[in-house]
Amino acid sequence: MLNDMTLLTTEELSERIKYDPRTIRDRLKDSVLLEGTHYIRPFGGRKILFLWEAIRDDMGKASNHSLAIPMARGGAAHG
């Protein structure tokens, strides 16, 4: 699975989704972006690598609905 994934640092992800790296670390990680689904910690360390395709696909699912907000368990809140 990981062979097909693009791994991004927090800074690289922030450039793609237009959120500040601090917001990603403090607010999105572990609430919207889940470990094992959207990011990994290689070798159990502190470094976080985000799985771009998983994040992009979940963002795409949410954008198919008007005013949808992606939820932690894969659903979407419709506004």
Protein backbone atom coordinates (compact mmCIF):
# COMPACT_ATOMS: atom_id res chain seq x y z
CA MET A 1 0.00 0.00 0.00
CA LEU A 2 2.68 2.55 0.96
CA ASN A 3 4.58 1.89 -2.28
CA ASP A 4 1.80 3.65 -4.19
CA MET A 5 1.52 6.57 -1.76
CA THR A 6 3.11 10.00 -1.91
CA LEU A 7 4.56 10.81 1.50
CA LEU A 8 4.55 14.48 2.52
CA THR A 9 5.97 16.39 5.45
CA THR A 10 3.69 18.77 7.34
CA GLU A 11 5.16 21.71 5.43
CA GLU A 12 4.61 20.03 2.04
CA LEU A 13 1.02 19.15 2.96
CA SER A 14 0.40 22.74 4.07
CA GLU A 15 1.41 23.97 0.61
CA ARG A 16 -1.06 21.60 -1.06
CA ILE A 17 -4.10 22.15 1.16
CA LYS A 18 -3.39 25.82 2.02
CA TYR A 19 -3.43 25.41 5.80
CA ASP A 20 -0.68 26.62 8.11
CA PRO A 21 1.60 23.77 9.29
CA ARG A 22 0.76 24.64 12.89
CA THR A 23 -2.97 24.28 12.17
CA ILE A 24 -2.36 20.88 10.63
CA ARG A 25 -0.37 19.70 13.66
CA ASP A 26 -2.59 21.27 16.34
CA ARG A 27 -6.11 21.08 14.95
CA LEU A 28 -6.38 18.62 12.04
CA LYS A 29 -4.06 15.84 13.17
CA ASP A 30 -5.93 13.23 15.22
CA SER A 31 -9.31 14.87 14.65
CA VAL A 32 -9.73 14.97 10.86
CA LEU A 33 -6.43 13.41 9.80
CA LEU A 34 -6.06 10.02 11.47
CA GLU A 35 -2.92 8.03 12.16
CA GLY A 36 -2.75 4.93 9.98
CA THR A 37 -5.27 6.37 7.51
CA HIS A 38 -3.93 9.83 6.65
CA TYR A 39 -0.48 9.80 8.24
CA ILE A 40 2.19 7.50 9.62
CA ARG A 41 5.05 7.77 12.08
CA PRO A 42 7.97 5.90 10.48
CA PHE A 43 9.87 3.69 12.93
CA GLY A 44 7.63 4.87 15.78
CA GLY A 45 9.39 8.23 15.92
CA ARG A 46 8.27 11.81 16.23
CA LYS A 47 8.41 12.55 12.51
CA ILE A 48 5.03 12.50 10.76
CA LEU A 49 4.57 11.70 7.08
CA PHE A 50 1.20 12.36 5.50
CA LEU A 51 -0.28 10.04 2.87
CA TRP A 52 -1.31 12.43 0.10
CA GLU A 53 -3.57 10.08 -1.87
CA ALA A 54 -5.62 9.18 1.22
CA ILE A 55 -6.06 12.84 2.14
CA ARG A 56 -6.85 13.86 -1.43
CA ASP A 57 -9.42 11.07 -1.83
CA ASP A 58 -11.18 12.01 1.42
CA MET A 59 -11.21 15.67 0.41
CA GLY A 60 -12.70 14.66 -2.94
CA LYS A 61 -15.49 12.70 -1.25
CA ALA A 62 -16.40 15.72 0.83
CA SER A 63 -16.28 18.11 -2.12
CA ASN A 64 -18.90 16.05 -3.98
CA HIS A 65 -21.42 17.40 -1.47
CA SER A 66 -22.16 21.09 -1.23
CA LEU A 67 -20.80 22.57 1.97
CA ALA A 68 -19.69 19.17 3.26
CA ILE A 69 -17.09 18.97 6.02
CA PRO A 70 -15.09 15.72 6.20
CA MET A 71 -15.50 13.96 9.53
CA ALA A 72 -12.97 11.84 11.40
CA ARG A 73 -14.66 8.50 10.71
CA GLY A 74 -14.98 9.05 6.98
CA GLY A 75 -18.42 10.62 6.80
CA ALA A 76 -19.26 14.22 5.99
CA ALA A 77 -21.26 16.91 7.75
CA HIS A 78 -23.52 18.80 5.37
CA GLY A 79 -23.98 22.50 6.06
